C-alpha cells in the first residue's frame, strides 16, 4: 500500500511558473515519485532542455510534520557545506500558499539498495564516517538532539501495560517466551538506554535518519538525502540507527560494519567507548520495540513494516553486545 501523495495536476499554475523560472527551462512532463514512508509532495520534472529535476516538499494532503521539518531541511541544503560531497545538488525552493517545494538534483540513474553487498555496506559506513569528520566544525549550525523519544522506550515498555503488550504481541505464539526474556533483561536495557546522551562520547553533525530509502550510490560513493532531521547529536547514534536496517534487508550485521566505521574515526583520533556502543545498540532497539507493534498510521501505511524490519536485528545486536540471552524470533509479516 502506497502513501497518499498529491498529483501534478494538483499543483497551482503559479508554483509551476516559479519552478520553470528557478530551473531555467519549461516543464515538458512531470510525474509523482514514490519513496520514503510519508505523504510528502514528490515529483520528477522532465524539462524541455532534456534535464530532469526532483522536487520534494509539502503540499496538498501533507501532514503537520512535513511542514514542520521542511524549513529545517532547506536550511541544511542551503547552509551546511559538510553535506555537499554526499548530497544531491540543491537548486533552491519555490512556494505559494499551501505549497513549498525544494528543487534538487535528480538521482534516478544512481544505484538503489537493497540488495546490499558487503562492498556497498562497508563503503556506506566509511562514507558516513567521512561525513561525520567533515561536519564537526558545522555542528553548531543545527539544533541539538534531545533525549525525547530515544532514552525512555524500554522504561515505558516495563511500566506501561499498553506499551508492553504492543511489544509482546509481535511474538505471537512465542509471547510467553518473550515475556520471560523481557523480565530477565529489561532492567539492564533501561540502564543502558539511559546512557545514550552521555556528553563524554563524541558528538557532532548527524543525519539522524539514515536507511536505504534515504540514500543512493553514485560512482560507488554514498549519496544521502532527506536531511530534515539533521542535528547535533552522538555520532554513534547516526551509524547505530542505520546498521539494523542493513541487516534487516539482507546485508551484513552490525558487528561486521561498526568496526570499519570506528577504524576511520580512530585514524582521525576519534574513539568510542564500549559503553557508548552498548547504549546506542540498546536505544535503537528500544526505539523500534516501542513503535513497531503499534497500529498502522493511516497516512504512513508502511511505517510499521520498516520499523519491524529493523527491530529484529536491533534486538539481536543489543543482546549480543551486552552478553544477554537472545529473545525468541520475532514474528514478521509485511
C-alpha atoms as a PDB file:
ATOM      1  CA  UNK A   1       0.000   0.000   0.000  1.00  0.00           C
ATOM      2  CA  UNK A   2       1.390   3.380  -1.021  1.00  0.00           C
ATOM      3  CA  UNK A   3       1.258   6.671   0.819  1.00  0.00           C
ATOM      4  CA  UNK A   4      -1.250   9.250  -0.459  1.00  0.00           C
ATOM      5  CA  UNK A   5       0.631  11.878  -2.462  1.00  0.00           C
ATOM      6  CA  UNK A   6      -0.617  14.849  -4.480  1.00  0.00           C
ATOM      7  CA  UNK A   7      -0.758  14.626  -8.253  1.00  0.00           C
ATOM      8  CA  UNK A   8       0.968  17.058 -10.591  1.00  0.00           C
ATOM      9  CA  UNK A   9      -2.453  18.282 -11.640  1.00  0.00           C
ATOM     10  CA  UNK A  10      -2.958  19.476  -8.054  1.00  0.00           C
ATOM     11  CA  UNK A  11      -0.007  21.890  -8.275  1.00  0.00           C
ATOM     12  CA  UNK A  12      -1.061  25.537  -8.799  1.00  0.00           C
ATOM     13  CA  UNK A  13      -0.053  27.250 -12.044  1.00  0.00           C
ATOM     14  CA  UNK A  14       1.762  29.955 -10.091  1.00  0.00           C
ATOM     15  CA  UNK A  15       4.012  27.355  -8.480  1.00  0.00           C
ATOM     16  CA  UNK A  16       4.680  25.696 -11.840  1.00  0.00           C
ATOM     17  CA  UNK A  17       5.759  29.048 -13.240  1.00  0.00           C
ATOM     18  CA  UNK A  18       8.111  29.611 -10.310  1.00  0.00           C
ATOM     19  CA  UNK A  19       9.678  26.201 -10.883  1.00  0.00           C
ATOM     20  CA  UNK A  20      10.341  26.934 -14.549  1.00  0.00           C
ATOM     21  CA  UNK A  21      11.981  30.243 -13.692  1.00  0.00           C
ATOM     22  CA  UNK A  22      14.118  28.643 -10.994  1.00  0.00           C
ATOM     23  CA  UNK A  23      15.364  25.753 -13.180  1.00  0.00           C
ATOM     24  CA  UNK A  24      15.661  27.845 -16.339  1.00  0.00           C
ATOM     25  CA  UNK A  25      13.540  25.663 -18.606  1.00  0.00           C
ATOM     26  CA  UNK A  26       9.917  24.804 -19.351  1.00  0.00           C
ATOM     27  CA  UNK A  27       8.491  21.617 -17.860  1.00  0.00           C
ATOM     28  CA  UNK A  28       7.594  19.136 -20.595  1.00  0.00           C
ATOM     29  CA  UNK A  29       6.195  16.487 -18.238  1.00  0.00           C
ATOM     30  CA  UNK A  30       6.019  15.765 -14.502  1.00  0.00           C
ATOM     31  CA  UNK A  31       5.395  12.557 -12.583  1.00  0.00           C
ATOM     32  CA  UNK A  32       4.799  11.665  -8.964  1.00  0.00           C
ATOM     33  CA  UNK A  33       7.685   9.863  -7.259  1.00  0.00           C
ATOM     34  CA  UNK A  34       7.103   7.280  -4.544  1.00  0.00           C
ATOM     35  CA  UNK A  35       9.644   6.519  -1.841  1.00  0.00           C
ATOM     36  CA  UNK A  36      10.016   7.021   1.862  1.00  0.00           C
ATOM     37  CA  UNK A  37       7.089   6.424   4.191  1.00  0.00           C
ATOM     38  CA  UNK A  38       5.155   9.699   4.394  1.00  0.00           C
ATOM     39  CA  UNK A  39       2.623  11.682   2.344  1.00  0.00           C
ATOM     40  CA  UNK A  40       5.079  14.344   1.182  1.00  0.00           C
ATOM     41  CA  UNK A  41       4.797  16.000  -2.226  1.00  0.00           C
ATOM     42  CA  UNK A  42       7.436  14.460  -4.514  1.00  0.00           C
ATOM     43  CA  UNK A  43       7.783  14.951  -8.270  1.00  0.00           C
ATOM     44  CA  UNK A  44      10.191  14.396 -11.132  1.00  0.00           C
ATOM     45  CA  UNK A  45      10.233  17.114 -13.800  1.00  0.00           C
ATOM     46  CA  UNK A  46      11.231  16.353 -17.388  1.00  0.00           C
ATOM     47  CA  UNK A  47      12.411  19.667 -18.797  1.00  0.00           C
ATOM     48  CA  UNK A  48      12.305  20.864 -22.392  1.00  0.00           C
ATOM     49  CA  UNK A  49      16.102  21.210 -22.385  1.00  0.00           C
ATOM     50  CA  UNK A  50      16.483  17.478 -21.668  1.00  0.00           C
ATOM     51  CA  UNK A  51      17.313  17.678 -17.964  1.00  0.00           C
ATOM     52  CA  UNK A  52      15.354  16.127 -15.118  1.00  0.00           C
ATOM     53  CA  UNK A  53      14.878  17.695 -11.679  1.00  0.00           C
ATOM     54  CA  UNK A  54      13.475  16.199  -8.483  1.00  0.00           C
ATOM     55  CA  UNK A  55      11.167  18.166  -6.180  1.00  0.00           C
ATOM     56  CA  UNK A  56      10.104  17.335  -2.633  1.00  0.00           C
ATOM     57  CA  UNK A  57       8.188  19.195  -0.005  1.00  0.00           C
ATOM     58  CA  UNK A  58       4.756  19.835   1.373  1.00  0.00           C
ATOM     59  CA  UNK A  59       1.505  20.412  -0.440  1.00  0.00           C
ATOM     60  CA  UNK A  60      -1.992  19.046  -0.768  1.00  0.00           C
ATOM     61  CA  UNK A  61      -2.510  16.317   1.844  1.00  0.00           C
ATOM     62  CA  UNK A  62       0.790  16.807   3.643  1.00  0.00           C
ATOM     63  CA  UNK A  63       0.768  16.342   7.401  1.00  0.00           C
ATOM     64  CA  UNK A  64       1.899  18.843  10.019  1.00  0.00           C
ATOM     65  CA  UNK A  65       5.241  17.068  10.438  1.00  0.00           C
ATOM     66  CA  UNK A  66       6.037  17.631   6.735  1.00  0.00           C
ATOM     67  CA  UNK A  67       5.511  21.344   7.197  1.00  0.00           C
ATOM     68  CA  UNK A  68       7.482  21.453  10.439  1.00  0.00           C
ATOM     69  CA  UNK A  69      10.662  19.846   9.164  1.00  0.00           C
ATOM     70  CA  UNK A  70      10.753  21.268   5.633  1.00  0.00           C
ATOM     71  CA  UNK A  71      12.350  24.623   6.580  1.00  0.00           C
ATOM     72  CA  UNK A  72      14.920  22.718   8.654  1.00  0.00           C
ATOM     73  CA  UNK A  73      15.861  20.552   5.693  1.00  0.00           C
ATOM     74  CA  UNK A  74      16.039  23.548   3.393  1.00  0.00           C
ATOM     75  CA  UNK A  75      18.446  25.279   5.781  1.00  0.00           C
ATOM     76  CA  UNK A  76      20.709  22.218   5.785  1.00  0.00           C
ATOM     77  CA  UNK A  77      20.846  22.086   1.973  1.00  0.00           C
ATOM     78  CA  UNK A  78      21.494  25.813   1.848  1.00  0.00           C
ATOM     79  CA  UNK A  79      23.926  26.339   4.721  1.00  0.00           C
ATOM     80  CA  UNK A  80      25.833  23.147   5.633  1.00  0.00           C
ATOM     81  CA  UNK A  81      28.909  22.622   3.464  1.00  0.00           C
ATOM     82  CA  UNK A  82      29.736  19.253   5.041  1.00  0.00           C
ATOM     83  CA  UNK A  83      26.887  17.574   3.152  1.00  0.00           C
ATOM     84  CA  UNK A  84      27.837  18.834  -0.311  1.00  0.00           C
ATOM     85  CA  UNK A  85      30.126  15.927  -1.304  1.00  0.00           C
ATOM     86  CA  UNK A  86      27.407  13.383  -0.491  1.00  0.00           C
ATOM     87  CA  UNK A  87      24.051  15.033  -1.150  1.00  0.00           C
ATOM     88  CA  UNK A  88      22.041  15.929  -4.257  1.00  0.00           C
ATOM     89  CA  UNK A  89      22.656  19.395  -5.608  1.00  0.00           C
ATOM     90  CA  UNK A  90      20.208  21.982  -4.286  1.00  0.00           C
ATOM     91  CA  UNK A  91      18.689  24.380  -6.855  1.00  0.00           C
ATOM     92  CA  UNK A  92      16.556  26.453  -4.488  1.00  0.00           C
ATOM     93  CA  UNK A  93      12.928  26.386  -3.394  1.00  0.00           C
ATOM     94  CA  UNK A  94       9.516  27.627  -4.554  1.00  0.00           C
ATOM     95  CA  UNK A  95       6.363  28.323  -2.593  1.00  0.00           C
ATOM     96  CA  UNK A  96       2.807  29.605  -2.804  1.00  0.00           C
ATOM     97  CA  UNK A  97       0.012  29.355  -0.276  1.00  0.00           C
ATOM     98  CA  UNK A  98      -0.324  25.694   0.696  1.00  0.00           C
ATOM     99  CA  UNK A  99       2.783  24.530  -1.185  1.00  0.00           C
ATOM    100  CA  UNK A 100       6.543  24.582  -0.591  1.00  0.00           C
ATOM    101  CA  UNK A 101       8.925  22.529  -2.729  1.00  0.00           C
ATOM    102  CA  UNK A 102      12.698  22.050  -2.647  1.00  0.00           C
ATOM    103  CA  UNK A 103      14.293  21.588  -6.082  1.00  0.00           C
ATOM    104  CA  UNK A 104      17.074  19.015  -6.128  1.00  0.00           C
ATOM    105  CA  UNK A 105      19.334  17.060  -8.416  1.00  0.00           C
ATOM    106  CA  UNK A 106      17.532  14.013  -9.788  1.00  0.00           C
ATOM    107  CA  UNK A 107      19.175  10.765  -8.635  1.00  0.00           C
ATOM    108  CA  UNK A 108      17.133   8.401 -10.811  1.00  0.00           C
ATOM    109  CA  UNK A 109      20.218   6.985 -12.572  1.00  0.00           C
ATOM    110  CA  UNK A 110      22.068   6.152  -9.357  1.00  0.00           C
ATOM    111  CA  UNK A 111      22.165   2.750  -7.643  1.00  0.00           C
ATOM    112  CA  UNK A 112      19.484   1.805  -5.140  1.00  0.00           C
ATOM    113  CA  UNK A 113      19.755  -0.668  -2.287  1.00  0.00           C
ATOM    114  CA  UNK A 114      18.719  -3.289  -1.281  1.00  0.00           C
ATOM    115  CA  UNK A 115      20.064  -5.720  -2.253  1.00  0.00           C
ATOM    116  CA  UNK A 116      23.061  -4.973  -0.046  1.00  0.00           C
ATOM    117  CA  UNK A 117      26.505  -6.338  -0.775  1.00  0.00           C
ATOM    118  CA  UNK A 118      29.348  -6.341   1.726  1.00  0.00           C
ATOM    119  CA  UNK A 119      31.173  -3.903  -0.552  1.00  0.00           C
ATOM    120  CA  UNK A 120      28.394  -1.319  -0.553  1.00  0.00           C
ATOM    121  CA  UNK A 121      27.625  -1.718   3.153  1.00  0.00           C
ATOM    122  CA  UNK A 122      31.265  -1.150   4.115  1.00  0.00           C
ATOM    123  CA  UNK A 123      31.509   1.792   1.722  1.00  0.00           C
ATOM    124  CA  UNK A 124      28.392   3.308   3.288  1.00  0.00           C
ATOM    125  CA  UNK A 125      29.783   3.256   6.828  1.00  0.00           C
ATOM    126  CA  UNK A 126      33.139   4.632   5.637  1.00  0.00           C
ATOM    127  CA  UNK A 127      31.408   7.497   3.855  1.00  0.00           C
ATOM    128  CA  UNK A 128      29.270   8.222   6.916  1.00  0.00           C
ATOM    129  CA  UNK A 129      32.447   8.415   8.984  1.00  0.00           C
ATOM    130  CA  UNK A 130      33.959  10.865   6.494  1.00  0.00           C
ATOM    131  CA  UNK A 131      30.792  12.969   6.664  1.00  0.00           C
ATOM    132  CA  UNK A 132      30.966  12.986  10.456  1.00  0.00           C
ATOM    133  CA  UNK A 133      34.552  14.198  10.299  1.00  0.00           C
ATOM    134  CA  UNK A 134      33.679  16.990   7.860  1.00  0.00           C
ATOM    135  CA  UNK A 135      30.685  18.014   9.940  1.00  0.00           C
ATOM    136  CA  UNK A 136      32.486  18.502  13.242  1.00  0.00           C
ATOM    137  CA  UNK A 137      33.093  22.180  12.517  1.00  0.00           C
ATOM    138  CA  UNK A 138      29.448  22.831  11.498  1.00  0.00           C
ATOM    139  CA  UNK A 139      27.572  21.055  14.278  1.00  0.00           C
ATOM    140  CA  UNK A 140      26.736  24.422  15.831  1.00  0.00           C
ATOM    141  CA  UNK A 141      24.617  25.368  12.800  1.00  0.00           C
ATOM    142  CA  UNK A 142      21.849  22.895  13.609  1.00  0.00           C
ATOM    143  CA  UNK A 143      19.611  22.116  16.566  1.00  0.00           C
ATOM    144  CA  UNK A 144      20.922  19.844  19.303  1.00  0.00           C
ATOM    145  CA  UNK A 145      19.340  16.423  19.596  1.00  0.00           C
ATOM    146  CA  UNK A 146      17.235  15.882  22.697  1.00  0.00           C
ATOM    147  CA  UNK A 147      16.599  12.679  24.616  1.00  0.00           C
ATOM    148  CA  UNK A 148      12.878  12.719  23.816  1.00  0.00           C
ATOM    149  CA  UNK A 149      11.787   9.501  22.159  1.00  0.00           C
ATOM    150  CA  UNK A 150      15.128   7.719  22.457  1.00  0.00           C
ATOM    151  CA  UNK A 151      16.023   7.234  26.127  1.00  0.00           C
ATOM    152  CA  UNK A 152      12.762   6.165  27.734  1.00  0.00           C
ATOM    153  CA  UNK A 153      11.397   3.446  25.474  1.00  0.00           C
ATOM    154  CA  UNK A 154      12.435   0.372  27.465  1.00  0.00           C
ATOM    155  CA  UNK A 155      11.339   2.159  30.636  1.00  0.00           C
ATOM    156  CA  UNK A 156       7.901   2.708  29.109  1.00  0.00           C
ATOM    157  CA  UNK A 157       7.661  -0.907  27.964  1.00  0.00           C
ATOM    158  CA  UNK A 158       8.313  -2.037  31.534  1.00  0.00           C
ATOM    159  CA  UNK A 159       5.965   0.409  33.227  1.00  0.00           C
ATOM    160  CA  UNK A 160       3.092   0.854  30.776  1.00  0.00           C
ATOM    161  CA  UNK A 161       0.845  -2.141  30.129  1.00  0.00           C
ATOM    162  CA  UNK A 162      -0.228  -0.954  26.685  1.00  0.00           C
ATOM    163  CA  UNK A 163       3.370  -0.368  25.571  1.00  0.00           C
ATOM    164  CA  UNK A 164       4.363  -3.773  26.930  1.00  0.00           C
ATOM    165  CA  UNK A 165       1.514  -5.535  25.152  1.00  0.00           C
ATOM    166  CA  UNK A 166       2.230  -3.881  21.808  1.00  0.00           C
ATOM    167  CA  UNK A 167       5.787  -5.181  22.040  1.00  0.00           C
ATOM    168  CA  UNK A 168       4.980  -8.695  23.240  1.00  0.00           C
ATOM    169  CA  UNK A 169       2.131  -9.239  20.765  1.00  0.00           C
ATOM    170  CA  UNK A 170       4.659  -9.145  17.919  1.00  0.00           C
ATOM    171  CA  UNK A 171       5.980 -12.517  19.115  1.00  0.00           C
ATOM    172  CA  UNK A 172       2.512 -14.084  18.741  1.00  0.00           C
ATOM    173  CA  UNK A 173       2.687 -17.772  19.774  1.00  0.00           C
ATOM    174  CA  UNK A 174       6.070 -17.114  21.419  1.00  0.00           C
ATOM    175  CA  UNK A 175       4.653 -14.339  23.582  1.00  0.00           C
ATOM    176  CA  UNK A 176       5.173 -16.159  26.875  1.00  0.00           C
ATOM    177  CA  UNK A 177       8.764 -16.945  25.973  1.00  0.00           C
ATOM    178  CA  UNK A 178       9.290 -13.277  25.036  1.00  0.00           C
ATOM    179  CA  UNK A 179       7.723 -12.179  28.309  1.00  0.00           C
ATOM    180  CA  UNK A 180      10.149 -14.305  30.341  1.00  0.00           C
ATOM    181  CA  UNK A 181      13.053 -12.944  28.314  1.00  0.00           C
ATOM    182  CA  UNK A 182      11.878  -9.369  28.874  1.00  0.00           C
ATOM    183  CA  UNK A 183      11.597  -9.864  32.621  1.00  0.00           C
ATOM    184  CA  UNK A 184      15.178 -11.125  32.706  1.00  0.00           C
ATOM    185  CA  UNK A 185      16.778  -8.289  30.693  1.00  0.00           C
ATOM    186  CA  UNK A 186      14.545  -5.215  30.984  1.00  0.00           C
ATOM    187  CA  UNK A 187      16.329  -3.520  33.888  1.00  0.00           C
ATOM    188  CA  UNK A 188      19.676  -3.837  32.134  1.00  0.00           C
ATOM    189  CA  UNK A 189      18.193  -2.421  28.927  1.00  0.00           C
ATOM    190  CA  UNK A 190      16.704   0.504  30.818  1.00  0.00           C
ATOM    191  CA  UNK A 191      20.006   1.395  32.458  1.00  0.00           C
ATOM    192  CA  UNK A 192      21.961   1.186  29.207  1.00  0.00           C
ATOM    193  CA  UNK A 193      19.359   3.148  27.230  1.00  0.00           C
ATOM    194  CA  UNK A 194      19.628   5.993  29.723  1.00  0.00           C
ATOM    195  CA  UNK A 195      23.323   6.443  28.873  1.00  0.00           C
ATOM    196  CA  UNK A 196      22.712   7.305  25.207  1.00  0.00           C
ATOM    197  CA  UNK A 197      23.088  11.071  25.563  1.00  0.00           C
ATOM    198  CA  UNK A 198      26.305  10.972  27.612  1.00  0.00           C
ATOM    199  CA  UNK A 199      28.286  14.101  26.722  1.00  0.00           C
ATOM    200  CA  UNK A 200      31.605  12.285  27.239  1.00  0.00           C
ATOM    201  CA  UNK A 201      31.263  10.498  23.882  1.00  0.00           C
ATOM    202  CA  UNK A 202      31.963  12.189  20.517  1.00  0.00           C
ATOM    203  CA  UNK A 203      29.131  14.454  19.335  1.00  0.00           C
ATOM    204  CA  UNK A 204      28.775  16.239  16.020  1.00  0.00           C
ATOM    205  CA  UNK A 205      26.588  16.824  12.958  1.00  0.00           C
ATOM    206  CA  UNK A 206      24.406  13.785  12.230  1.00  0.00           C
ATOM    207  CA  UNK A 207      21.786  12.961   9.612  1.00  0.00           C
ATOM    208  CA  UNK A 208      19.689  11.020  12.179  1.00  0.00           C
ATOM    209  CA  UNK A 209      17.537   9.108   9.678  1.00  0.00           C
ATOM    210  CA  UNK A 210      19.883   7.007   7.548  1.00  0.00           C
ATOM    211  CA  UNK A 211      18.269   3.994   5.899  1.00  0.00           C
ATOM    212  CA  UNK A 212      18.079   2.610   2.381  1.00  0.00           C
ATOM    213  CA  UNK A 213      15.178   4.766   1.177  1.00  0.00           C
ATOM    214  CA  UNK A 214      17.190   7.881   2.085  1.00  0.00           C
ATOM    215  CA  UNK A 215      20.325   7.005   0.154  1.00  0.00           C
ATOM    216  CA  UNK A 216      21.791   6.017  -3.198  1.00  0.00           C
ATOM    217  CA  UNK A 217      25.227   5.162  -4.539  1.00  0.00           C
ATOM    218  CA  UNK A 218      26.762   7.205  -7.345  1.00  0.00           C
ATOM    219  CA  UNK A 219      30.036   6.036  -8.869  1.00  0.00           C
ATOM    220  CA  UNK A 220      30.426   3.777  -5.846  1.00  0.00           C
ATOM    221  CA  UNK A 221      30.052   6.552  -3.257  1.00  0.00           C
ATOM    222  CA  UNK A 222      27.216   7.197  -0.836  1.00  0.00           C
ATOM    223  CA  UNK A 223      24.657   9.912  -1.510  1.00  0.00           C
ATOM    224  CA  UNK A 224      22.318  10.896   1.347  1.00  0.00           C
ATOM    225  CA  UNK A 225      19.103  12.884   1.110  1.00  0.00           C
ATOM    226  CA  UNK A 226      16.119  13.677   3.364  1.00  0.00           C
ATOM    227  CA  UNK A 227      18.131  15.898   5.715  1.00  0.00           C
ATOM    228  CA  UNK A 228      15.087  17.126   7.657  1.00  0.00           C
ATOM    229  CA  UNK A 229      16.212  15.619  10.974  1.00  0.00           C
ATOM    230  CA  UNK A 230      19.859  16.709  10.800  1.00  0.00           C
ATOM    231  CA  UNK A 231      21.086  17.865  14.178  1.00  0.00           C
ATOM    232  CA  UNK A 232      23.978  17.859  16.596  1.00  0.00           C
ATOM    233  CA  UNK A 233      23.993  14.528  18.390  1.00  0.00           C
ATOM    234  CA  UNK A 234      26.048  11.477  19.381  1.00  0.00           C
ATOM    235  CA  UNK A 235      27.935  10.386  16.280  1.00  0.00           C
ATOM    236  CA  UNK A 236      27.397   6.716  17.064  1.00  0.00           C
ATOM    237  CA  UNK A 237      23.624   7.190  17.021  1.00  0.00           C
ATOM    238  CA  UNK A 238      23.762   8.033  13.319  1.00  0.00           C
ATOM    239  CA  UNK A 239      25.532   4.858  12.283  1.00  0.00           C
ATOM    240  CA  UNK A 240      23.868   2.766  15.002  1.00  0.00           C
ATOM    241  CA  UNK A 241      20.385   3.711  13.791  1.00  0.00           C
ATOM    242  CA  UNK A 242      21.417   2.683  10.263  1.00  0.00           C
ATOM    243  CA  UNK A 243      23.025  -0.711  10.871  1.00  0.00           C
ATOM    244  CA  UNK A 244      19.913  -2.765  11.784  1.00  0.00           C
ATOM    245  CA  UNK A 245      18.245  -1.696   8.536  1.00  0.00           C
ATOM    246  CA  UNK A 246      21.154  -3.124   6.520  1.00  0.00           C
ATOM    247  CA  UNK A 247      20.900  -6.464   8.288  1.00  0.00           C
ATOM    248  CA  UNK A 248      17.109  -6.408   8.023  1.00  0.00           C
ATOM    249  CA  UNK A 249      17.440  -6.009   4.261  1.00  0.00           C
ATOM    250  CA  UNK A 250      19.792  -8.952   3.934  1.00  0.00           C
ATOM    251  CA  UNK A 251      23.146  -7.202   4.351  1.00  0.00           C
ATOM    252  CA  UNK A 252      25.993  -7.646   6.844  1.00  0.00           C
ATOM    253  CA  UNK A 253      25.399  -7.425  10.589  1.00  0.00           C
ATOM    254  CA  UNK A 254      26.320  -4.500  12.823  1.00  0.00           C
ATOM    255  CA  UNK A 255      29.219  -6.430  14.331  1.00  0.00           C
ATOM    256  CA  UNK A 256      30.839  -6.605  10.892  1.00  0.00           C
ATOM    257  CA  UNK A 257      30.217  -2.987   9.887  1.00  0.00           C
ATOM    258  CA  UNK A 258      30.724  -0.951  13.058  1.00  0.00           C
ATOM    259  CA  UNK A 259      34.461  -1.777  13.311  1.00  0.00           C
ATOM    260  CA  UNK A 260      35.007  -0.217   9.870  1.00  0.00           C
ATOM    261  CA  UNK A 261      33.311   2.996  10.969  1.00  0.00           C
ATOM    262  CA  UNK A 262      35.381   3.038  14.157  1.00  0.00           C
ATOM    263  CA  UNK A 263      38.568   2.425  12.177  1.00  0.00           C
ATOM    264  CA  UNK A 264      38.050   5.504  10.012  1.00  0.00           C
ATOM    265  CA  UNK A 265      37.245   7.609  13.057  1.00  0.00           C
ATOM    266  CA  UNK A 266      40.230   6.255  15.013  1.00  0.00           C
ATOM    267  CA  UNK A 267      42.502   7.160  12.108  1.00  0.00           C
ATOM    268  CA  UNK A 268      41.400  10.718  12.885  1.00  0.00           C
ATOM    269  CA  UNK A 269      41.833  10.361  16.661  1.00  0.00           C
ATOM    270  CA  UNK A 270      38.149   9.943  17.489  1.00  0.00           C
ATOM    271  CA  UNK A 271      37.347   6.981  19.712  1.00  0.00           C
ATOM    272  CA  UNK A 272      34.226   5.392  21.189  1.00  0.00           C
ATOM    273  CA  UNK A 273      33.887   3.515  24.454  1.00  0.00           C
ATOM    274  CA  UNK A 274      32.165   0.157  24.790  1.00  0.00           C
ATOM    275  CA  UNK A 275      29.554   1.859  26.976  1.00  0.00           C
ATOM    276  CA  UNK A 276      28.732   4.245  24.118  1.00  0.00           C
ATOM    277  CA  UNK A 277      28.350   1.328  21.694  1.00  0.00           C
ATOM    278  CA  UNK A 278      26.135  -0.568  24.120  1.00  0.00           C
ATOM    279  CA  UNK A 279      23.884   2.393  24.826  1.00  0.00           C
ATOM    280  CA  UNK A 280      23.372   3.095  21.125  1.00  0.00           C
ATOM    281  CA  UNK A 281      22.530  -0.520  20.321  1.00  0.00           C
ATOM    282  CA  UNK A 282      20.041  -0.703  23.211  1.00  0.00           C
ATOM    283  CA  UNK A 283      18.473   2.695  22.463  1.00  0.00           C
ATOM    284  CA  UNK A 284      17.974   1.816  18.796  1.00  0.00           C
ATOM    285  CA  UNK A 285      16.340  -1.486  19.763  1.00  0.00           C
ATOM    286  CA  UNK A 286      14.136   0.339  22.248  1.00  0.00           C
ATOM    287  CA  UNK A 287      13.117   2.911  19.642  1.00  0.00           C
ATOM    288  CA  UNK A 288      11.770   0.214  17.336  1.00  0.00           C
ATOM    289  CA  UNK A 289      10.462  -2.011  20.149  1.00  0.00           C
ATOM    290  CA  UNK A 290       8.187   0.783  21.339  1.00  0.00           C
ATOM    291  CA  UNK A 291       6.795   1.509  17.866  1.00  0.00           C
ATOM    292  CA  UNK A 292       6.821  -1.495  15.540  1.00  0.00           C
ATOM    293  CA  UNK A 293       3.915  -3.314  17.192  1.00  0.00           C
ATOM    294  CA  UNK A 294       1.525  -0.394  17.359  1.00  0.00           C
ATOM    295  CA  UNK A 295      -1.459   0.024  14.999  1.00  0.00           C
ATOM    296  CA  UNK A 296      -0.738   1.320  11.497  1.00  0.00           C
ATOM    297  CA  UNK A 297      -0.833   5.062  10.889  1.00  0.00           C
ATOM    298  CA  UNK A 298      -3.298   5.754   8.043  1.00  0.00           C
ATOM    299  CA  UNK A 299      -1.140   8.289   6.195  1.00  0.00           C
ATOM    300  CA  UNK A 300       2.043   6.250   6.749  1.00  0.00           C
ATOM    301  CA  UNK A 301       0.817   2.728   5.936  1.00  0.00           C
ATOM    302  CA  UNK A 302       4.257   1.081   5.537  1.00  0.00           C
ATOM    303  CA  UNK A 303       5.958   2.645   8.553  1.00  0.00           C
ATOM    304  CA  UNK A 304       5.281  -0.213  10.969  1.00  0.00           C
ATOM    305  CA  UNK A 305       6.676  -2.653   8.406  1.00  0.00           C
ATOM    306  CA  UNK A 306      10.030  -0.884   8.178  1.00  0.00           C
ATOM    307  CA  UNK A 307      10.180  -0.475  11.952  1.00  0.00           C
ATOM    308  CA  UNK A 308       9.641  -4.203  12.458  1.00  0.00           C
ATOM    309  CA  UNK A 309      12.217  -4.946   9.757  1.00  0.00           C
ATOM    310  CA  UNK A 310      14.810  -3.110  11.849  1.00  0.00           C
ATOM    311  CA  UNK A 311      13.620  -4.328  15.247  1.00  0.00           C
ATOM    312  CA  UNK A 312      14.761  -7.934  14.890  1.00  0.00           C
ATOM    313  CA  UNK A 313      18.394  -7.087  14.023  1.00  0.00           C
ATOM    314  CA  UNK A 314      18.451  -4.312  16.637  1.00  0.00           C
ATOM    315  CA  UNK A 315      17.335  -6.729  19.378  1.00  0.00           C
ATOM    316  CA  UNK A 316      19.909  -9.299  18.294  1.00  0.00           C
ATOM    317  CA  UNK A 317      22.722  -6.707  18.200  1.00  0.00           C
ATOM    318  CA  UNK A 318      21.884  -5.153  21.574  1.00  0.00           C
ATOM    319  CA  UNK A 319      21.713  -8.522  23.329  1.00  0.00           C
ATOM    320  CA  UNK A 320      24.909  -9.683  21.677  1.00  0.00           C
ATOM    321  CA  UNK A 321      26.906  -6.602  22.657  1.00  0.00           C
ATOM    322  CA  UNK A 322      25.674  -6.868  26.251  1.00  0.00           C
ATOM    323  CA  UNK A 323      26.103 -10.635  26.522  1.00  0.00           C
ATOM    324  CA  UNK A 324      22.404 -11.111  27.240  1.00  0.00           C
ATOM    325  CA  UNK A 325      20.207 -14.029  26.155  1.00  0.00           C
ATOM    326  CA  UNK A 326      18.559 -13.546  22.810  1.00  0.00           C
ATOM    327  CA  UNK A 327      14.777 -13.044  22.586  1.00  0.00           C
ATOM    328  CA  UNK A 328      12.668 -15.507  20.610  1.00  0.00           C
ATOM    329  CA  UNK A 329      12.458 -14.975  16.882  1.00  0.00           C
ATOM    330  CA  UNK A 330      10.226 -12.040  16.076  1.00  0.00           C
ATOM    331  CA  UNK A 331       7.135 -12.867  14.052  1.00  0.00           C
ATOM    332  CA  UNK A 332       7.424 -10.794  10.902  1.00  0.00           C
ATOM    333  CA  UNK A 333       4.634 -10.135   8.437  1.00  0.00           C
ATOM    334  CA  UNK A 334       4.537  -7.247   5.971  1.00  0.00           C
END
